PDB file of N, CA and C in Angstrom:
ATOM      1  N   MET A   1       0.919  -1.237  -0.098  1.00  0.00           N
ATOM      2  CA  MET A   1      -0.010  -0.038  -0.068  1.00  0.00           C
ATOM      3  C   MET A   1       0.875   1.237  -0.050  1.00  0.00           C
ATOM      4  N   GLN A   2       0.490   2.216  -0.873  1.00  0.00           N
ATOM      5  CA  GLN A   2       1.292   3.428  -0.759  1.00  0.00           C
ATOM      6  C   GLN A   2       0.944   4.334   0.262  1.00  0.00           C
ATOM      7  N   SER A   3       1.945   5.023   0.717  1.00  0.00           N
ATOM      8  CA  SER A   3       1.909   5.994   2.020  1.00  0.00           C
ATOM      9  C   SER A   3       1.162   7.401   1.349  1.00  0.00           C
ATOM     10  N   VAL A   4       0.649   8.012   2.410  1.00  0.00           N
ATOM     11  CA  VAL A   4       0.146   9.368   2.176  1.00  0.00           C
ATOM     12  C   VAL A   4       1.097  10.324   1.400  1.00  0.00           C
ATOM     13  N   THR A   5       2.401  10.232   1.668  1.00  0.00           N
ATOM     14  CA  THR A   5       3.317  11.032   1.021  1.00  0.00           C
ATOM     15  C   THR A   5       3.580  10.776  -0.458  1.00  0.00           C
ATOM     16  N   ASP A   6       3.230   9.606  -0.780  1.00  0.00           N
ATOM     17  CA  ASP A   6       3.416   9.103  -2.164  1.00  0.00           C
ATOM     18  C   ASP A   6       2.291   9.901  -2.958  1.00  0.00           C
ATOM     19  N   PHE A   7       1.082  10.227  -2.336  1.00  0.00           N
ATOM     20  CA  PHE A   7       0.130  10.872  -2.915  1.00  0.00           C
ATOM     21  C   PHE A   7       0.033  12.448  -3.043  1.00  0.00           C
ATOM     22  N   VAL A   8       1.172  12.983  -2.303  1.00  0.00           N
ATOM     23  CA  VAL A   8       0.896  14.416  -2.153  1.00  0.00           C
ATOM     24  C   VAL A   8       1.878  15.323  -3.058  1.00  0.00           C
ATOM     25  N   HIS A   9       2.244  14.632  -4.251  1.00  0.00           N
ATOM     26  CA  HIS A   9       3.270  15.359  -4.987  1.00  0.00           C
ATOM     27  C   HIS A   9       2.515  16.426  -5.742  1.00  0.00           C
ATOM     28  N   HIS A  10       3.063  17.119  -6.357  1.00  0.00           N
ATOM     29  CA  HIS A  10       2.492  18.499  -7.120  1.00  0.00           C
ATOM     30  C   HIS A  10       1.417  18.172  -8.193  1.00  0.00           C
ATOM     31  N   GLY A  11       1.876  17.004  -8.762  1.00  0.00           N
ATOM     32  CA  GLY A  11       0.703  16.780  -9.995  1.00  0.00           C
ATOM     33  C   GLY A  11      -0.589  16.337  -9.378  1.00  0.00           C
ATOM     34  N   VAL A  12      -0.613  15.607  -8.266  1.00  0.00           N
ATOM     35  CA  VAL A  12      -1.879  15.071  -7.632  1.00  0.00           C
ATOM     36  C   VAL A  12      -2.481  16.444  -7.105  1.00  0.00           C
ATOM     37  N   LEU A  13      -1.705  17.352  -6.377  1.00  0.00           N
ATOM     38  CA  LEU A  13      -2.307  18.463  -5.813  1.00  0.00           C
ATOM     39  C   LEU A  13      -3.045  19.308  -6.845  1.00  0.00           C
ATOM     40  N   VAL A  14      -2.313  19.416  -7.991  1.00  0.00           N
ATOM     41  CA  VAL A  14      -2.975  20.386  -9.162  1.00  0.00           C
ATOM     42  C   VAL A  14      -3.990  19.606  -9.756  1.00  0.00           C
ATOM     43  N   ARG A  15      -4.295  18.464  -9.568  1.00  0.00           N
ATOM     44  CA  ARG A  15      -5.361  17.779 -10.266  1.00  0.00           C
ATOM     45  C   ARG A  15      -6.540  17.731  -9.136  1.00  0.00           C
ATOM     46  N   LEU A  16      -6.586  17.644  -7.733  1.00  0.00           N
ATOM     47  CA  LEU A  16      -7.348  17.619  -6.871  1.00  0.00           C
ATOM     48  C   LEU A  16      -7.963  18.856  -6.593  1.00  0.00           C
ATOM     49  N   ALA A  17      -7.140  19.798  -6.280  1.00  0.00           N
ATOM     50  CA  ALA A  17      -7.465  21.202  -5.979  1.00  0.00           C
ATOM     51  C   ALA A  17      -7.630  22.339  -6.857  1.00  0.00           C
ATOM     52  N   THR A  18      -8.418  23.258  -6.739  1.00  0.00           N
ATOM     53  CA  THR A  18      -8.710  24.337  -7.649  1.00  0.00           C
ATOM     54  C   THR A  18      -7.397  25.366  -7.536  1.00  0.00           C
ATOM     55  N   PRO A  19      -7.105  26.185  -8.612  1.00  0.00           N
ATOM     56  CA  PRO A  19      -6.158  27.042  -8.443  1.00  0.00           C
ATOM     57  C   PRO A  19      -6.250  27.853  -7.123  1.00  0.00           C
ATOM     58  N   ALA A  20      -7.448  28.320  -6.903  1.00  0.00           N
ATOM     59  CA  ALA A  20      -7.771  29.255  -5.648  1.00  0.00           C
ATOM     60  C   ALA A  20      -7.260  28.341  -4.425  1.00  0.00           C
ATOM     61  N   ASN A  21      -7.775  27.137  -4.354  1.00  0.00           N
ATOM     62  CA  ASN A  21      -7.355  26.402  -3.006  1.00  0.00           C
ATOM     63  C   ASN A  21      -5.754  26.088  -2.961  1.00  0.00           C
ATOM     64  N   LEU A  22      -5.003  26.094  -3.885  1.00  0.00           N
ATOM     65  CA  LEU A  22      -3.619  25.925  -4.188  1.00  0.00           C
ATOM     66  C   LEU A  22      -2.917  27.172  -3.465  1.00  0.00           C
ATOM     67  N   ARG A  23      -3.610  28.343  -4.038  1.00  0.00           N
ATOM     68  CA  ARG A  23      -3.172  29.691  -3.460  1.00  0.00           C
ATOM     69  C   ARG A  23      -3.289  29.879  -2.005  1.00  0.00           C
ATOM     70  N   LEU A  24      -4.538  29.567  -1.601  1.00  0.00           N
ATOM     71  CA  LEU A  24      -4.732  29.706  -0.190  1.00  0.00           C
ATOM     72  C   LEU A  24      -4.060  28.681   0.664  1.00  0.00           C
ATOM     73  N   GLY A  25      -4.073  27.586   0.084  1.00  0.00           N
ATOM     74  CA  GLY A  25      -3.141  26.781   0.864  1.00  0.00           C
ATOM     75  C   GLY A  25      -1.730  26.953   1.111  1.00  0.00           C
ATOM     76  N   ARG A  26      -1.134  27.424   0.122  1.00  0.00           N
ATOM     77  CA  ARG A  26       0.421  28.016   0.211  1.00  0.00           C
ATOM     78  C   ARG A  26       0.484  29.116   1.104  1.00  0.00           C
ATOM     79  N   LYS A  27      -0.863  30.097   1.184  1.00  0.00           N
ATOM     80  CA  LYS A  27      -0.711  30.994   2.182  1.00  0.00           C
ATOM     81  C   LYS A  27      -0.643  30.575   3.613  1.00  0.00           C
ATOM     82  N   PHE A  28      -1.557  29.575   3.781  1.00  0.00           N
ATOM     83  CA  PHE A  28      -1.579  28.983   5.456  1.00  0.00           C
ATOM     84  C   PHE A  28       0.046  28.727   5.616  1.00  0.00           C
ATOM     85  N   VAL A  29       0.585  28.061   4.773  1.00  0.00           N
ATOM     86  CA  VAL A  29       1.879  27.371   5.010  1.00  0.00           C
ATOM     87  C   VAL A  29       2.698  28.596   5.281  1.00  0.00           C
ATOM     88  N   ASP A  30       2.630  29.574   4.334  1.00  0.00           N
ATOM     89  CA  ASP A  30       3.689  30.621   4.397  1.00  0.00           C
ATOM     90  C   ASP A  30       3.532  31.373   5.667  1.00  0.00           C
ATOM     91  N   GLN A  31       2.184  31.419   6.348  1.00  0.00           N
ATOM     92  CA  GLN A  31       1.923  32.061   7.797  1.00  0.00           C
ATOM     93  C   GLN A  31       2.326  31.321   8.763  1.00  0.00           C
ATOM     94  N   GLY A  32       2.714  30.070   8.608  1.00  0.00           N
ATOM     95  CA  GLY A  32       2.981  29.094   9.549  1.00  0.00           C
ATOM     96  C   GLY A  32       1.798  28.421  10.211  1.00  0.00           C
ATOM     97  N   GLY A  33       0.633  28.527   9.522  1.00  0.00           N
ATOM     98  CA  GLY A  33      -0.672  28.064  10.019  1.00  0.00           C
ATOM     99  C   GLY A  33      -0.948  26.590  10.159  1.00  0.00           C
ATOM    100  N   VAL A  34       0.170  25.574   9.875  1.00  0.00           N
ATOM    101  CA  VAL A  34      -0.239  24.267   9.850  1.00  0.00           C
ATOM    102  C   VAL A  34       0.486  23.467  10.938  1.00  0.00           C
ATOM    103  N   GLU A  35      -0.143  22.876  11.808  1.00  0.00           N
ATOM    104  CA  GLU A  35       0.345  22.129  12.853  1.00  0.00           C
ATOM    105  C   GLU A  35       0.081  20.595  12.626  1.00  0.00           C
ATOM    106  N   LEU A  36       1.125  19.796  12.243  1.00  0.00           N
ATOM    107  CA  LEU A  36       0.828  18.401  12.025  1.00  0.00           C
ATOM    108  C   LEU A  36       0.964  17.578  13.243  1.00  0.00           C
ATOM    109  N   ALA A  37      -0.043  16.701  13.518  1.00  0.00           N
ATOM    110  CA  ALA A  37      -0.045  15.853  14.561  1.00  0.00           C
ATOM    111  C   ALA A  37       0.996  14.820  14.328  1.00  0.00           C
ATOM    112  N   PRO A  38       1.607  14.022  15.382  1.00  0.00           N
ATOM    113  CA  PRO A  38       2.164  12.889  15.082  1.00  0.00           C
ATOM    114  C   PRO A  38       1.616  12.169  13.895  1.00  0.00           C
ATOM    115  N   TYR A  39       2.308  11.597  12.977  1.00  0.00           N
ATOM    116  CA  TYR A  39       1.735  10.785  11.779  1.00  0.00           C
ATOM    117  C   TYR A  39       2.454   9.706  11.416  1.00  0.00           C
ATOM    118  N   GLY A  40       1.675   8.948  10.703  1.00  0.00           N
ATOM    119  CA  GLY A  40       2.337   7.571  10.324  1.00  0.00           C
ATOM    120  C   GLY A  40       2.250   7.520   8.640  1.00  0.00           C
ATOM    121  N   PRO A  41       2.723   6.490   8.064  1.00  0.00           N
ATOM    122  CA  PRO A  41       2.705   6.462   6.558  1.00  0.00           C
ATOM    123  C   PRO A  41       1.329   6.510   5.974  1.00  0.00           C
ATOM    124  N   LEU A  42       0.280   5.864   6.800  1.00  0.00           N
ATOM    125  CA  LEU A  42      -0.887   5.778   6.023  1.00  0.00           C
ATOM    126  C   LEU A  42      -2.190   6.769   6.733  1.00  0.00           C
ATOM    127  N   ARG A  43      -1.707   7.758   7.645  1.00  0.00           N
ATOM    128  CA  ARG A  43      -2.719   8.714   8.140  1.00  0.00           C
ATOM    129  C   ARG A  43      -2.017  10.015   8.676  1.00  0.00           C
ATOM    130  N   VAL A  44      -2.299  11.104   8.144  1.00  0.00           N
ATOM    131  CA  VAL A  44      -1.792  12.312   8.657  1.00  0.00           C
ATOM    132  C   VAL A  44      -2.928  13.154   9.127  1.00  0.00           C
ATOM    133  N   SER A  45      -2.681  13.773  10.174  1.00  0.00           N
ATOM    134  CA  SER A  45      -3.712  14.767  10.885  1.00  0.00           C
ATOM    135  C   SER A  45      -2.980  16.032  10.974  1.00  0.00           C
ATOM    136  N   ALA A  46      -3.831  17.217  10.903  1.00  0.00           N
ATOM    137  CA  ALA A  46      -3.152  18.439  11.119  1.00  0.00           C
ATOM    138  C   ALA A  46      -4.335  19.417  11.853  1.00  0.00           C
ATOM    139  N   LYS A  47      -4.032  20.388  12.430  1.00  0.00           N
ATOM    140  CA  LYS A  47      -4.771  21.702  12.546  1.00  0.00           C
ATOM    141  C   LYS A  47      -4.284  22.816  11.563  1.00  0.00           C
ATOM    142  N   VAL A  48      -5.182  23.148  11.000  1.00  0.00           N
ATOM    143  CA  VAL A  48      -4.720  24.264  10.145  1.00  0.00           C
ATOM    144  C   VAL A  48      -5.735  25.639  10.364  1.00  0.00           C
ATOM    145  N   GLY A  49      -4.769  26.797  10.278  1.00  0.00           N
ATOM    146  CA  GLY A  49      -5.582  28.077  10.542  1.00  0.00           C
ATOM    147  C   GLY A  49      -4.293  29.104  10.118  1.00  0.00           C
ATOM    148  N   GLY A  50      -4.538  30.263  10.756  1.00  0.00           N
ATOM    149  CA  GLY A  50      -3.398  31.252  10.438  1.00  0.00           C
ATOM    150  C   GLY A  50      -4.029  32.512  10.580  1.00  0.00           C
ATOM    151  N   VAL A  51      -3.334  33.584  10.292  1.00  0.00           N
ATOM    152  CA  VAL A  51      -3.700  34.992  10.365  1.00  0.00           C
ATOM    153  C   VAL A  51      -4.807  35.350   9.739  1.00  0.00           C
ATOM    154  N   ALA A  52      -4.933  34.934   8.484  1.00  0.00           N
ATOM    155  CA  ALA A  52      -6.352  35.271   7.728  1.00  0.00           C
ATOM    156  C   ALA A  52      -7.395  34.351   8.297  1.00  0.00           C
ATOM    157  N   ALA A  53      -7.400  33.379   9.030  1.00  0.00           N
ATOM    158  CA  ALA A  53      -8.336  32.605   9.456  1.00  0.00           C
ATOM    159  C   ALA A  53      -9.054  33.194  10.722  1.00  0.00           C
ATOM    160  N   ALA A  54      -8.387  34.087  11.074  1.00  0.00           N
ATOM    161  CA  ALA A  54      -8.826  34.878  12.327  1.00  0.00           C
ATOM    162  C   ALA A  54      -8.895  33.958  13.667  1.00  0.00           C
ATOM    163  N   GLY A  55      -7.966  32.999  13.839  1.00  0.00           N
ATOM    164  CA  GLY A  55      -8.163  31.935  14.977  1.00  0.00           C
ATOM    165  C   GLY A  55      -9.006  30.665  14.718  1.00  0.00           C
ATOM    166  N   GLN A  56      -9.674  30.802  13.662  1.00  0.00           N
ATOM    167  CA  GLN A  56     -10.426  29.410  13.343  1.00  0.00           C
ATOM    168  C   GLN A  56      -9.372  28.427  12.944  1.00  0.00           C
ATOM    169  N   LEU A  57      -9.406  27.251  13.567  1.00  0.00           N
ATOM    170  CA  LEU A  57      -8.594  25.966  13.420  1.00  0.00           C
ATOM    171  C   LEU A  57      -9.413  24.940  12.592  1.00  0.00           C
ATOM    172  N   ARG A  58      -9.076  24.456  11.554  1.00  0.00           N
ATOM    173  CA  ARG A  58      -9.716  23.327  10.873  1.00  0.00           C
ATOM    174  C   ARG A  58      -8.865  22.134  11.181  1.00  0.00           C
ATOM    175  N   THR A  59      -9.612  20.976  11.173  1.00  0.00           N
ATOM    176  CA  THR A  59      -8.936  19.721  11.416  1.00  0.00           C
ATOM    177  C   THR A  59      -9.181  19.006  10.011  1.00  0.00           C
ATOM    178  N   VAL A  60      -7.795  18.540   9.631  1.00  0.00           N
ATOM    179  CA  VAL A  60      -7.703  17.934   8.434  1.00  0.00           C
ATOM    180  C   VAL A  60      -7.067  16.581   8.640  1.00  0.00           C
ATOM    181  N   GLU A  61      -7.557  15.599   7.812  1.00  0.00           N
ATOM    182  CA  GLU A  61      -7.104  14.265   7.846  1.00  0.00           C
ATOM    183  C   GLU A  61      -6.874  13.611   6.457  1.00  0.00           C
ATOM    184  N   LEU A  62      -5.632  13.189   6.219  1.00  0.00           N
ATOM    185  CA  LEU A  62      -5.088  12.644   4.823  1.00  0.00           C
ATOM    186  C   LEU A  62      -5.032  11.132   5.130  1.00  0.00           C
ATOM    187  N   THR A  63      -5.618  10.267   4.330  1.00  0.00           N
ATOM    188  CA  THR A  63      -5.238   8.803   4.594  1.00  0.00           C
ATOM    189  C   THR A  63      -4.863   8.259   3.224  1.00  0.00           C
ATOM    190  N   SER A  64      -4.206   7.318   3.348  1.00  0.00           N
ATOM    191  CA  SER A  64      -4.033   6.321   2.094  1.00  0.00           C
ATOM    192  C   SER A  64      -4.859   5.160   2.186  1.00  0.00           C
ATOM    193  N   SER A  65      -5.609   4.760   1.140  1.00  0.00           N
ATOM    194  CA  SER A  65      -6.698   3.806   1.192  1.00  0.00           C
ATOM    195  C   SER A  65      -6.698   3.026   0.132  1.00  0.00           C
ATOM    196  N   ALA A  66      -6.158   1.750   0.040  1.00  0.00           N
ATOM    197  CA  ALA A  66      -5.920   1.134  -1.147  1.00  0.00           C
ATOM    198  C   ALA A  66      -4.851   1.671  -1.994  1.00  0.00           C
ATOM    199  N   SER A  67      -5.450   2.287  -3.260  1.00  0.00           N
ATOM    200  CA  SER A  67      -4.496   2.828  -4.210  1.00  0.00           C
ATOM    201  C   SER A  67      -4.831   4.264  -4.335  1.00  0.00           C
ATOM    202  N   ARG A  68      -5.436   4.907  -3.354  1.00  0.00           N
ATOM    203  CA  ARG A  68      -5.974   6.364  -3.495  1.00  0.00           C
ATOM    204  C   ARG A  68      -5.712   7.222  -2.264  1.00  0.00           C
ATOM    205  N   LEU A  69      -5.655   8.392  -2.329  1.00  0.00           N
ATOM    206  CA  LEU A  69      -5.747   9.336  -1.180  1.00  0.00           C
ATOM    207  C   LEU A  69      -7.146   9.509  -1.027  1.00  0.00           C
ATOM    208  N   ALA A  70      -7.402   9.631   0.359  1.00  0.00           N
ATOM    209  CA  ALA A  70      -8.786   9.960   0.844  1.00  0.00           C
ATOM    210  C   ALA A  70      -8.442  11.133   1.920  1.00  0.00           C
ATOM    211  N   TRP A  71      -9.398  12.055   2.043  1.00  0.00           N
ATOM    212  CA  TRP A  71      -9.216  13.145   2.850  1.00  0.00           C
ATOM    213  C   TRP A  71     -10.584  13.729   3.490  1.00  0.00           C
ATOM    214  N   SER A  72     -10.387  14.421   4.538  1.00  0.00           N
ATOM    215  CA  SER A  72     -11.567  15.279   5.328  1.00  0.00           C
ATOM    216  C   SER A  72     -11.053  16.334   5.913  1.00  0.00           C
ATOM    217  N   CYS A  73     -11.959  17.426   6.024  1.00  0.00           N
ATOM    218  CA  CYS A  73     -11.807  18.563   6.609  1.00  0.00           C
ATOM    219  C   CYS A  73     -13.046  18.973   7.353  1.00  0.00           C
ATOM    220  N   THR A  74     -12.837  19.678   8.525  1.00  0.00           N
ATOM    221  CA  THR A  74     -13.945  20.183   9.146  1.00  0.00           C
ATOM    222  C   THR A  74     -14.647  21.487   8.515  1.00  0.00           C
ATOM    223  N   CYS A  75     -13.975  22.042   7.352  1.00  0.00           N
ATOM    224  CA  CYS A  75     -14.524  23.322   6.797  1.00  0.00           C
ATOM    225  C   CYS A  75     -15.612  23.145   5.775  1.00  0.00           C
ATOM    226  N   THR A  76     -15.746  21.737   5.428  1.00  0.00           N
ATOM    227  CA  THR A  76     -16.696  21.558   4.414  1.00  0.00           C
ATOM    228  C   THR A  76     -17.527  19.961   4.688  1.00  0.00           C
ATOM    229  N   THR A  77     -18.913  20.015   4.257  1.00  0.00           N
ATOM    230  CA  THR A  77     -19.364  18.610   4.258  1.00  0.00           C
ATOM    231  C   THR A  77     -19.295  18.014   2.776  1.00  0.00           C
ATOM    232  N   HIS A  78     -18.609  18.779   1.744  1.00  0.00           N
ATOM    233  CA  HIS A  78     -18.372  18.120   0.515  1.00  0.00           C
ATOM    234  C   HIS A  78     -17.273  17.377   0.494  1.00  0.00           C
ATOM    235  N   LYS A  79     -17.525  16.028   0.392  1.00  0.00           N
ATOM    236  CA  LYS A  79     -16.408  15.122   0.586  1.00  0.00           C
ATOM    237  C   LYS A  79     -15.414  14.960  -0.517  1.00  0.00           C
ATOM    238  N   ASP A  80     -15.813  15.423  -1.701  1.00  0.00           N
ATOM    239  CA  ASP A  80     -14.977  15.689  -2.796  1.00  0.00           C
ATOM    240  C   ASP A  80     -14.129  16.882  -2.999  1.00  0.00           C
ATOM    241  N   LEU A  81     -14.306  17.818  -2.094  1.00  0.00           N
ATOM    242  CA  LEU A  81     -13.558  18.843  -2.103  1.00  0.00           C
ATOM    243  C   LEU A  81     -12.180  18.739  -1.405  1.00  0.00           C
ATOM    244  N   PHE A  82     -11.156  19.169  -2.203  1.00  0.00           N
ATOM    245  CA  PHE A  82      -9.813  19.145  -1.761  1.00  0.00           C
ATOM    246  C   PHE A  82      -9.378  20.432  -1.348  1.00  0.00           C
ATOM    247  N   CYS A  83      -9.895  21.019  -0.179  1.00  0.00           N
ATOM    248  CA  CYS A  83      -9.982  22.405   0.164  1.00  0.00           C
ATOM    249  C   CYS A  83      -8.534  22.967   0.434  1.00  0.00           C
ATOM    250  N   GLU A  84      -8.415  24.249   0.478  1.00  0.00           N
ATOM    251  CA  GLU A  84      -7.081  24.987   1.055  1.00  0.00           C
ATOM    252  C   GLU A  84      -6.458  24.272   2.380  1.00  0.00           C
ATOM    253  N   HIS A  85      -7.332  23.847   3.202  1.00  0.00           N
ATOM    254  CA  HIS A  85      -6.600  23.250   4.378  1.00  0.00           C
ATOM    255  C   HIS A  85      -5.961  21.938   4.143  1.00  0.00           C
ATOM    256  N   CYS A  86      -6.579  21.195   3.287  1.00  0.00           N
ATOM    257  CA  CYS A  86      -6.021  19.928   2.776  1.00  0.00           C
ATOM    258  C   CYS A  86      -4.677  20.148   2.083  1.00  0.00           C
ATOM    259  N   VAL A  87      -4.847  21.284   1.013  1.00  0.00           N
ATOM    260  CA  VAL A  87      -3.488  21.678   0.335  1.00  0.00           C
ATOM    261  C   VAL A  87      -2.460  21.802   1.205  1.00  0.00           C
ATOM    262  N   ALA A  88      -2.678  22.872   2.386  1.00  0.00           N
ATOM    263  CA  ALA A  88      -1.751  23.209   3.192  1.00  0.00           C
ATOM    264  C   ALA A  88      -1.029  22.184   4.003  1.00  0.00           C
ATOM    265  N   THR A  89      -1.857  21.165   4.381  1.00  0.00           N
ATOM    266  CA  THR A  89      -1.347  19.948   5.100  1.00  0.00           C
ATOM    267  C   THR A  89      -0.562  19.109   4.309  1.00  0.00           C
ATOM    268  N   ALA A  90      -1.004  18.947   2.829  1.00  0.00           N
ATOM    269  CA  ALA A  90      -0.212  18.184   2.051  1.00  0.00           C
ATOM    270  C   ALA A  90       1.119  18.838   1.907  1.00  0.00           C
ATOM    271  N   LEU A  91       1.210  20.244   1.604  1.00  0.00           N
ATOM    272  CA  LEU A  91       2.336  20.953   1.438  1.00  0.00           C
ATOM    273  C   LEU A  91       3.471  20.707   2.417  1.00  0.00           C
ATOM    274  N   VAL A  92       2.880  21.024   3.738  1.00  0.00           N
ATOM    275  CA  VAL A  92       3.783  20.799   4.897  1.00  0.00           C
ATOM    276  C   VAL A  92       4.320  19.467   4.925  1.00  0.00           C
ATOM    277  N   LEU A  93       3.551  18.495   4.723  1.00  0.00           N
ATOM    278  CA  LEU A  93       3.910  17.034   4.763  1.00  0.00           C
ATOM    279  C   LEU A  93       5.009  16.873   3.767  1.00  0.00           C
ATOM    280  N   ARG A  94       5.001  17.403   2.654  1.00  0.00           N
ATOM    281  CA  ARG A  94       5.951  17.421   1.613  1.00  0.00           C
ATOM    282  C   ARG A  94       7.309  18.008   2.001  1.00  0.00           C
ATOM    283  N   GLU A  95       7.033  19.038   2.698  1.00  0.00           N
ATOM    284  CA  GLU A  95       8.393  19.836   3.032  1.00  0.00           C
ATOM    285  C   GLU A  95       8.977  18.938   4.109  1.00  0.00           C
ATOM    286  N   GLN A  96       8.148  18.500   5.073  1.00  0.00           N
ATOM    287  CA  GLN A  96       8.867  17.699   6.215  1.00  0.00           C
ATOM    288  C   GLN A  96       9.506  16.424   5.696  1.00  0.00           C
ATOM    289  N   VAL A  97       9.057  15.790   4.798  1.00  0.00           N
ATOM    290  CA  VAL A  97       9.573  14.768   4.132  1.00  0.00           C
ATOM    291  C   VAL A  97      10.865  15.069   3.464  1.00  0.00           C
ATOM    292  N   ALA A  98      10.848  16.178   2.661  1.00  0.00           N
ATOM    293  CA  ALA A  98      12.000  16.458   2.058  1.00  0.00           C
ATOM    294  C   ALA A  98      13.199  17.009   2.944  1.00  0.00           C
ATOM    295  N   LEU A  99      12.694  17.584   3.939  1.00  0.00           N
ATOM    296  CA  LEU A  99      13.787  17.832   5.040  1.00  0.00           C
ATOM    297  C   LEU A  99      14.376  16.673   5.667  1.00  0.00           C
ATOM    298  N   SER A 100      13.388  15.755   5.947  1.00  0.00           N
ATOM    299  CA  SER A 100      13.992  14.631   6.656  1.00  0.00           C
ATOM    300  C   SER A 100      15.015  13.730   5.682  1.00  0.00           C
ATOM    301  N   ALA A 101      14.682  13.641   4.310  1.00  0.00           N
ATOM    302  CA  ALA A 101      15.554  13.028   3.459  1.00  0.00           C
ATOM    303  C   ALA A 101      16.752  13.755   3.231  1.00  0.00           C
ATOM    304  N   ALA A 102      16.746  15.052   3.379  1.00  0.00           N
ATOM    305  CA  ALA A 102      18.073  15.832   3.343  1.00  0.00           C
ATOM    306  C   ALA A 102      18.856  15.986   4.389  1.00  0.00           C
ATOM    307  N   SER A 103      18.497  15.685   5.699  1.00  0.00           N
ATOM    308  CA  SER A 103      19.237  15.638   6.825  1.00  0.00           C
ATOM    309  C   SER A 103      20.021  14.419   6.887  1.00  0.00           C
ATOM    310  N   PRO A 104      21.264  14.558   7.001  1.00  0.00           N
ATOM    311  CA  PRO A 104      22.300  13.433   7.342  1.00  0.00           C
ATOM    312  C   PRO A 104      21.931  12.621   8.546  1.00  0.00           C
ATOM    313  N   PRO A 105      21.977  11.590   8.734  1.00  0.00           N
ATOM    314  CA  PRO A 105      21.690  10.777  10.013  1.00  0.00           C
ATOM    315  C   PRO A 105      22.625  11.268  11.025  1.00  0.00           C
ATOM    316  N   GLN A 106      21.901  11.362  12.132  1.00  0.00           N
ATOM    317  CA  GLN A 106      22.556  11.787  13.539  1.00  0.00           C
ATOM    318  C   GLN A 106      23.427  10.736  14.140  1.00  0.00           C
ATOM    319  N   THR A 107      24.601  11.020  14.628  1.00  0.00           N
ATOM    320  CA  THR A 107      25.517  10.098  15.340  1.00  0.00           C
ATOM    321  C   THR A 107      25.660  10.558  16.575  1.00  0.00           C
ATOM    322  N   HIS A 108      25.670   9.582  17.481  1.00  0.00           N
ATOM    323  CA  HIS A 108      25.926   9.783  18.951  1.00  0.00           C
ATOM    324  C   HIS A 108      27.340   9.301  19.474  1.00  0.00           C
ATOM    325  N   PRO A 109      28.122   9.878  20.158  1.00  0.00           N
ATOM    326  CA  PRO A 109      29.319   9.161  20.587  1.00  0.00           C
ATOM    327  C   PRO A 109      28.949   8.354  21.650  1.00  0.00           C
ATOM    328  N   ILE A 110      29.738   7.163  21.737  1.00  0.00           N
ATOM    329  CA  ILE A 110      29.526   6.201  22.752  1.00  0.00           C
ATOM    330  C   ILE A 110      30.119   6.517  24.143  1.00  0.00           C
TER     331      ILE A 110
END
């Protein structure tokens, strides 16, 4: 089974989200408005808000299910909408995975 990070590459985000939601999601990221909860390869949860949200936090969940990405956000009841909060969560996840991959392994003296 593929992990959530396998599904959050640029091509998928462009296909799932509207251009406006891509812009707004990036804005949340730039404002530091995404807080990822501890996550695993098949499920990622986050609280998303920011200056523009005036203190409103939305809860996002991205999951890997069979061979597709599934998502939910508390901002909407439209299950097929990949909203700006989902975009922001995916972008932060991608950034964290890229940082982890670029960081050299830590060694500790014995």
